[in-house]
PDB file of N, CA and C in Angstrom:
ATOM      1  N   UNK A   1      -3.141  -2.214  -0.156  1.00  0.00           N
ATOM      2  CA  UNK A   1      -2.290  -2.267   1.008  1.00  0.00           C
ATOM      3  C   UNK A   1      -0.859  -2.503   0.517  1.00  0.00           C
ATOM      4  N   UNK A   2       0.068  -1.809   1.107  1.00  0.00           N
ATOM      5  CA  UNK A   2       1.474  -1.919   0.701  1.00  0.00           C
ATOM      6  C   UNK A   2       2.283  -2.489   1.860  1.00  0.00           C
ATOM      7  N   UNK A   3       3.117  -3.475   1.562  1.00  0.00           N
ATOM      8  CA  UNK A   3       4.016  -4.076   2.539  1.00  0.00           C
ATOM      9  C   UNK A   3       5.452  -3.859   2.091  1.00  0.00           C
ATOM     10  N   UNK A   4       6.317  -3.564   3.037  1.00  0.00           N
ATOM     11  CA  UNK A   4       7.746  -3.494   2.739  1.00  0.00           C
ATOM     12  C   UNK A   4       8.310  -4.905   2.827  1.00  0.00           C
ATOM     13  N   UNK A   5       9.207  -5.217   1.902  1.00  0.00           N
ATOM     14  CA  UNK A   5       9.858  -6.524   1.896  1.00  0.00           C
ATOM     15  C   UNK A   5      11.365  -6.334   1.832  1.00  0.00           C
ATOM     16  N   UNK A   6      12.073  -7.333   2.287  1.00  0.00           N
ATOM     17  CA  UNK A   6      13.536  -7.344   2.226  1.00  0.00           C
ATOM     18  C   UNK A   6      13.937  -8.422   1.239  1.00  0.00           C
ATOM     19  N   UNK A   7      14.695  -8.023   0.224  1.00  0.00           N
ATOM     20  CA  UNK A   7      15.155  -8.990  -0.773  1.00  0.00           C
ATOM     21  C   UNK A   7      16.678  -9.027  -0.719  1.00  0.00           C
ATOM     22  N   UNK A   8      17.216 -10.216  -0.772  1.00  0.00           N
ATOM     23  CA  UNK A   8      18.684 -10.364  -0.704  1.00  0.00           C
ATOM     24  C   UNK A   8      19.118 -11.507  -1.613  1.00  0.00           C
ATOM     25  N   UNK A   9      20.285 -11.342  -2.222  1.00  0.00           N
ATOM     26  CA  UNK A   9      20.815 -12.433  -3.047  1.00  0.00           C
ATOM     27  C   UNK A   9      21.108 -13.654  -2.177  1.00  0.00           C
ATOM     28  N   UNK A  10      20.887 -14.830  -2.739  1.00  0.00           N
ATOM     29  CA  UNK A  10      21.202 -16.078  -2.056  1.00  0.00           C
ATOM     30  C   UNK A  10      22.558 -16.547  -2.561  1.00  0.00           C
ATOM     31  N   UNK A  11      23.599 -16.276  -1.769  1.00  0.00           N
ATOM     32  CA  UNK A  11      24.972 -16.584  -2.185  1.00  0.00           C
ATOM     33  C   UNK A  11      25.215 -18.087  -2.322  1.00  0.00           C
ATOM     34  N   UNK A  12      24.488 -18.894  -1.536  1.00  0.00           N
ATOM     35  CA  UNK A  12      24.692 -20.341  -1.573  1.00  0.00           C
ATOM     36  C   UNK A  12      24.058 -21.003  -2.786  1.00  0.00           C
ATOM     37  N   UNK A  13      22.783 -20.731  -2.999  1.00  0.00           N
ATOM     38  CA  UNK A  13      22.027 -21.439  -4.032  1.00  0.00           C
ATOM     39  C   UNK A  13      21.739 -20.601  -5.267  1.00  0.00           C
ATOM     40  N   UNK A  14      22.092 -19.316  -5.250  1.00  0.00           N
ATOM     41  CA  UNK A  14      21.741 -18.433  -6.347  1.00  0.00           C
ATOM     42  C   UNK A  14      20.315 -17.937  -6.181  1.00  0.00           C
ATOM     43  N   UNK A  15      19.913 -17.013  -6.991  1.00  0.00           N
ATOM     44  CA  UNK A  15      18.577 -16.463  -6.891  1.00  0.00           C
ATOM     45  C   UNK A  15      18.480 -15.461  -5.761  1.00  0.00           C
ATOM     46  N   UNK A  16      17.259 -15.275  -5.261  1.00  0.00           N
ATOM     47  CA  UNK A  16      16.998 -14.266  -4.246  1.00  0.00           C
ATOM     48  C   UNK A  16      16.046 -14.798  -3.189  1.00  0.00           C
ATOM     49  N   UNK A  17      16.306 -14.403  -1.936  1.00  0.00           N
ATOM     50  CA  UNK A  17      15.405 -14.680  -0.825  1.00  0.00           C
ATOM     51  C   UNK A  17      14.695 -13.375  -0.498  1.00  0.00           C
ATOM     52  N   UNK A  18      13.443 -13.471  -0.123  1.00  0.00           N
ATOM     53  CA  UNK A  18      12.667 -12.282   0.203  1.00  0.00           C
ATOM     54  C   UNK A  18      11.772 -12.577   1.396  1.00  0.00           C
ATOM     55  N   UNK A  19      11.621 -11.575   2.279  1.00  0.00           N
ATOM     56  CA  UNK A  19      10.773 -11.741   3.449  1.00  0.00           C
ATOM     57  C   UNK A  19       9.984 -10.462   3.693  1.00  0.00           C
ATOM     58  N   UNK A  20       8.897 -10.601   4.439  1.00  0.00           N
ATOM     59  CA  UNK A  20       8.032  -9.478   4.790  1.00  0.00           C
ATOM     60  C   UNK A  20       8.085  -9.321   6.310  1.00  0.00           C
ATOM     61  N   UNK A  21       8.841  -8.333   6.818  1.00  0.00           N
ATOM     62  CA  UNK A  21       8.996  -8.186   8.266  1.00  0.00           C
ATOM     63  C   UNK A  21       7.682  -7.963   9.017  1.00  0.00           C
ATOM     64  N   UNK A  22       6.674  -7.383   8.379  1.00  0.00           N
ATOM     65  CA  UNK A  22       5.396  -7.127   9.047  1.00  0.00           C
ATOM     66  C   UNK A  22       4.627  -8.415   9.331  1.00  0.00           C
ATOM     67  N   UNK A  23       4.990  -9.487   8.634  1.00  0.00           N
ATOM     68  CA  UNK A  23       4.321 -10.774   8.801  1.00  0.00           C
ATOM     69  C   UNK A  23       5.376 -11.829   9.155  1.00  0.00           C
ATOM     70  N   UNK A  24       5.664 -12.002  10.433  1.00  0.00           N
ATOM     71  CA  UNK A  24       6.696 -12.967  10.829  1.00  0.00           C
ATOM     72  C   UNK A  24       6.445 -14.343  10.201  1.00  0.00           C
ATOM     73  N   UNK A  25       7.492 -14.915   9.667  1.00  0.00           N
ATOM     74  CA  UNK A  25       7.396 -16.224   9.039  1.00  0.00           C
ATOM     75  C   UNK A  25       7.001 -16.170   7.576  1.00  0.00           C
ATOM     76  N   UNK A  26       6.787 -14.976   7.039  1.00  0.00           N
ATOM     77  CA  UNK A  26       6.387 -14.827   5.634  1.00  0.00           C
ATOM     78  C   UNK A  26       7.638 -14.629   4.783  1.00  0.00           C
ATOM     79  N   UNK A  27       8.062 -15.706   4.131  1.00  0.00           N
ATOM     80  CA  UNK A  27       9.287 -15.710   3.331  1.00  0.00           C
ATOM     81  C   UNK A  27       9.012 -16.386   1.990  1.00  0.00           C
ATOM     82  N   UNK A  28       9.843 -16.065   1.009  1.00  0.00           N
ATOM     83  CA  UNK A  28       9.780 -16.759  -0.270  1.00  0.00           C
ATOM     84  C   UNK A  28      11.122 -16.607  -0.962  1.00  0.00           C
ATOM     85  N   UNK A  29      11.192 -17.060  -2.197  1.00  0.00           N
ATOM     86  CA  UNK A  29      12.427 -16.969  -2.964  1.00  0.00           C
ATOM     87  C   UNK A  29      12.094 -17.031  -4.446  1.00  0.00           C
ATOM     88  N   UNK A  30      13.098 -16.759  -5.265  1.00  0.00           N
ATOM     89  CA  UNK A  30      12.924 -16.863  -6.705  1.00  0.00           C
ATOM     90  C   UNK A  30      14.263 -16.824  -7.401  1.00  0.00           C
ATOM     91  N   UNK A  31      14.297 -17.275  -8.632  1.00  0.00           N
ATOM     92  CA  UNK A  31      15.534 -17.280  -9.403  1.00  0.00           C
ATOM     93  C   UNK A  31      15.949 -15.872  -9.829  1.00  0.00           C
ATOM     94  N   UNK A  32      14.974 -14.962  -9.966  1.00  0.00           N
ATOM     95  CA  UNK A  32      15.252 -13.568 -10.309  1.00  0.00           C
ATOM     96  C   UNK A  32      14.548 -12.674  -9.287  1.00  0.00           C
ATOM     97  N   UNK A  33      14.900 -11.393  -9.265  1.00  0.00           N
ATOM     98  CA  UNK A  33      14.214 -10.468  -8.363  1.00  0.00           C
ATOM     99  C   UNK A  33      12.724 -10.426  -8.677  1.00  0.00           C
ATOM    100  N   UNK A  34      12.383 -10.404  -9.959  1.00  0.00           N
ATOM    101  CA  UNK A  34      10.989 -10.339 -10.365  1.00  0.00           C
ATOM    102  C   UNK A  34      10.208 -11.554  -9.874  1.00  0.00           C
ATOM    103  N   UNK A  35      10.804 -12.743 -10.019  1.00  0.00           N
ATOM    104  CA  UNK A  35      10.147 -13.963  -9.565  1.00  0.00           C
ATOM    105  C   UNK A  35      10.007 -13.963  -8.046  1.00  0.00           C
ATOM    106  N   UNK A  36      11.048 -13.532  -7.346  1.00  0.00           N
ATOM    107  CA  UNK A  36      11.000 -13.486  -5.886  1.00  0.00           C
ATOM    108  C   UNK A  36       9.904 -12.531  -5.416  1.00  0.00           C
ATOM    109  N   UNK A  37       9.770 -11.374  -6.073  1.00  0.00           N
ATOM    110  CA  UNK A  37       8.733 -10.417  -5.691  1.00  0.00           C
ATOM    111  C   UNK A  37       7.332 -10.947  -5.991  1.00  0.00           C
ATOM    112  N   UNK A  38       7.172 -11.625  -7.121  1.00  0.00           N
ATOM    113  CA  UNK A  38       5.871 -12.237  -7.435  1.00  0.00           C
ATOM    114  C   UNK A  38       5.542 -13.300  -6.394  1.00  0.00           C
ATOM    115  N   UNK A  39       6.537 -14.080  -5.992  1.00  0.00           N
ATOM    116  CA  UNK A  39       6.312 -15.150  -5.013  1.00  0.00           C
ATOM    117  C   UNK A  39       5.983 -14.595  -3.628  1.00  0.00           C
ATOM    118  N   UNK A  40       6.630 -13.476  -3.229  1.00  0.00           N
ATOM    119  CA  UNK A  40       6.328 -12.931  -1.901  1.00  0.00           C
ATOM    120  C   UNK A  40       4.930 -12.317  -1.896  1.00  0.00           C
ATOM    121  N   UNK A  41       4.465 -11.801  -3.019  1.00  0.00           N
ATOM    122  CA  UNK A  41       3.086 -11.298  -3.080  1.00  0.00           C
ATOM    123  C   UNK A  41       2.101 -12.436  -2.766  1.00  0.00           C
ATOM    124  N   UNK A  42       2.340 -13.587  -3.380  1.00  0.00           N
ATOM    125  CA  UNK A  42       1.486 -14.753  -3.119  1.00  0.00           C
ATOM    126  C   UNK A  42       1.593 -15.189  -1.658  1.00  0.00           C
ATOM    127  N   UNK A  43       2.810 -15.172  -1.120  1.00  0.00           N
ATOM    128  CA  UNK A  43       3.018 -15.575   0.275  1.00  0.00           C
ATOM    129  C   UNK A  43       2.316 -14.607   1.230  1.00  0.00           C
ATOM    130  N   UNK A  44       2.372 -13.310   0.938  1.00  0.00           N
ATOM    131  CA  UNK A  44       1.702 -12.319   1.778  1.00  0.00           C
ATOM    132  C   UNK A  44       0.196 -12.561   1.768  1.00  0.00           C
ATOM    133  N   UNK A  45      -0.365 -12.779   0.593  1.00  0.00           N
ATOM    134  CA  UNK A  45      -1.805 -13.057   0.511  1.00  0.00           C
ATOM    135  C   UNK A  45      -2.170 -14.297   1.318  1.00  0.00           C
ATOM    136  N   UNK A  46      -1.359 -15.339   1.211  1.00  0.00           N
ATOM    137  CA  UNK A  46      -1.603 -16.562   1.974  1.00  0.00           C
ATOM    138  C   UNK A  46      -1.529 -16.323   3.469  1.00  0.00           C
ATOM    139  N   UNK A  47      -0.531 -15.575   3.910  1.00  0.00           N
ATOM    140  CA  UNK A  47      -0.398 -15.265   5.339  1.00  0.00           C
ATOM    141  C   UNK A  47      -1.595 -14.464   5.830  1.00  0.00           C
ATOM    142  N   UNK A  48      -2.040 -13.487   5.039  1.00  0.00           N
ATOM    143  CA  UNK A  48      -3.182 -12.674   5.440  1.00  0.00           C
ATOM    144  C   UNK A  48      -4.458 -13.504   5.521  1.00  0.00           C
ATOM    145  N   UNK A  49      -4.631 -14.428   4.601  1.00  0.00           N
ATOM    146  CA  UNK A  49      -5.809 -15.300   4.641  1.00  0.00           C
ATOM    147  C   UNK A  49      -5.830 -16.127   5.921  1.00  0.00           C
ATOM    148  N   UNK A  50      -4.687 -16.692   6.268  1.00  0.00           N
ATOM    149  CA  UNK A  50      -4.604 -17.515   7.484  1.00  0.00           C
ATOM    150  C   UNK A  50      -4.850 -16.656   8.721  1.00  0.00           C
ATOM    151  N   UNK A  51      -4.222 -15.472   8.782  1.00  0.00           N
ATOM    152  CA  UNK A  51      -4.426 -14.593   9.930  1.00  0.00           C
ATOM    153  C   UNK A  51      -5.884 -14.165  10.045  1.00  0.00           C
ATOM    154  N   UNK A  52      -6.519 -13.910   8.914  1.00  0.00           N
ATOM    155  CA  UNK A  52      -7.918 -13.499   8.925  1.00  0.00           C
ATOM    156  C   UNK A  52      -8.811 -14.624   9.447  1.00  0.00           C
ATOM    157  N   UNK A  53      -8.525 -15.853   9.084  1.00  0.00           N
ATOM    158  CA  UNK A  53      -9.317 -16.992   9.563  1.00  0.00           C
ATOM    159  C   UNK A  53      -9.134 -17.207  11.062  1.00  0.00           C
ATOM    160  N   UNK A  54      -7.926 -16.993  11.543  1.00  0.00           N
ATOM    161  CA  UNK A  54      -7.639 -17.206  12.969  1.00  0.00           C
ATOM    162  C   UNK A  54      -8.150 -16.070  13.839  1.00  0.00           C
ATOM    163  N   UNK A  55      -8.397 -14.902  13.264  1.00  0.00           N
ATOM    164  CA  UNK A  55      -8.691 -13.703  14.043  1.00  0.00           C
ATOM    165  C   UNK A  55     -10.172 -13.505  14.340  1.00  0.00           C
ATOM    166  N   UNK A  56     -11.007 -14.466  14.028  1.00  0.00           N
ATOM    167  CA  UNK A  56     -12.435 -14.292  14.273  1.00  0.00           C
ATOM    168  C   UNK A  56     -12.725 -14.561  15.751  1.00  0.00           C
ATOM    169  N   UNK A  57     -13.043 -13.487  16.485  1.00  0.00           N
ATOM    170  CA  UNK A  57     -13.287 -13.648  17.924  1.00  0.00           C
ATOM    171  C   UNK A  57     -14.733 -14.040  18.208  1.00  0.00           C
ATOM    172  N   UNK A  58     -14.994 -14.412  19.449  1.00  0.00           N
ATOM    173  CA  UNK A  58     -16.372 -14.603  19.893  1.00  0.00           C
ATOM    174  C   UNK A  58     -17.014 -13.220  19.936  1.00  0.00           C
ATOM    175  N   UNK A  59     -18.231 -13.104  19.457  1.00  0.00           N
ATOM    176  CA  UNK A  59     -18.872 -11.795  19.404  1.00  0.00           C
ATOM    177  C   UNK A  59     -20.049 -11.728  20.373  1.00  0.00           C
ATOM    178  N   UNK A  60     -20.293 -10.510  20.852  1.00  0.00           N
ATOM    179  CA  UNK A  60     -21.468 -10.263  21.695  1.00  0.00           C
ATOM    180  C   UNK A  60     -22.697 -10.226  20.803  1.00  0.00           C
ATOM    181  N   UNK A  61     -23.873 -10.271  21.395  1.00  0.00           N
ATOM    182  CA  UNK A  61     -25.121 -10.348  20.630  1.00  0.00           C
ATOM    183  C   UNK A  61     -25.277  -9.186  19.650  1.00  0.00           C
ATOM    184  N   UNK A  62     -24.841  -7.981  20.006  1.00  0.00           N
ATOM    185  CA  UNK A  62     -25.035  -6.807  19.147  1.00  0.00           C
ATOM    186  C   UNK A  62     -23.908  -6.638  18.125  1.00  0.00           C
ATOM    187  N   UNK A  63     -22.868  -7.459  18.195  1.00  0.00           N
ATOM    188  CA  UNK A  63     -21.732  -7.325  17.287  1.00  0.00           C
ATOM    189  C   UNK A  63     -21.932  -8.160  16.043  1.00  0.00           C
ATOM    190  N   UNK A  64     -21.335  -7.710  14.956  1.00  0.00           N
ATOM    191  CA  UNK A  64     -21.364  -8.460  13.704  1.00  0.00           C
ATOM    192  C   UNK A  64     -19.958  -8.504  13.125  1.00  0.00           C
ATOM    193  N   UNK A  65     -19.658  -9.533  12.398  1.00  0.00           N
ATOM    194  CA  UNK A  65     -18.387  -9.642  11.682  1.00  0.00           C
ATOM    195  C   UNK A  65     -18.659  -9.289  10.232  1.00  0.00           C
ATOM    196  N   UNK A  66     -17.939  -8.288   9.718  1.00  0.00           N
ATOM    197  CA  UNK A  66     -18.068  -7.851   8.337  1.00  0.00           C
ATOM    198  C   UNK A  66     -16.718  -7.940   7.652  1.00  0.00           C
ATOM    199  N   UNK A  67     -16.706  -7.893   6.346  1.00  0.00           N
ATOM    200  CA  UNK A  67     -15.460  -7.885   5.575  1.00  0.00           C
ATOM    201  C   UNK A  67     -15.242  -6.511   4.987  1.00  0.00           C
ATOM    202  N   UNK A  68     -13.990  -6.039   4.991  1.00  0.00           N
ATOM    203  CA  UNK A  68     -13.618  -4.758   4.422  1.00  0.00           C
ATOM    204  C   UNK A  68     -12.489  -5.002   3.434  1.00  0.00           C
ATOM    205  N   UNK A  69     -12.656  -4.558   2.192  1.00  0.00           N
ATOM    206  CA  UNK A  69     -11.627  -4.739   1.167  1.00  0.00           C
ATOM    207  C   UNK A  69     -10.606  -3.612   1.248  1.00  0.00           C
ATOM    208  N   UNK A  70      -9.332  -3.969   1.157  1.00  0.00           N
ATOM    209  CA  UNK A  70      -8.236  -3.006   1.097  1.00  0.00           C
ATOM    210  C   UNK A  70      -7.576  -3.168  -0.261  1.00  0.00           C
ATOM    211  N   UNK A  71      -7.573  -2.115  -1.043  1.00  0.00           N
ATOM    212  CA  UNK A  71      -6.991  -2.194  -2.386  1.00  0.00           C
ATOM    213  C   UNK A  71      -5.571  -1.781  -2.402  1.00  0.00           C
TER     214      UNK A  71
END
């Protein structure tokens, strides 16, 4: 799965801030672009884990909850 991110220099503190618009509230930072991108990958995974845990609905008798991997 591919997510677009916005990376911008942090003029106040140095380094870079990065966010993922598809996941509101998913932000990170790093001293270099590479570090910021590595950190946002971790943040995206964390956000997806939380969303997946919250998204389990009540199911009808014939329904099942399965997991599907996205590479």
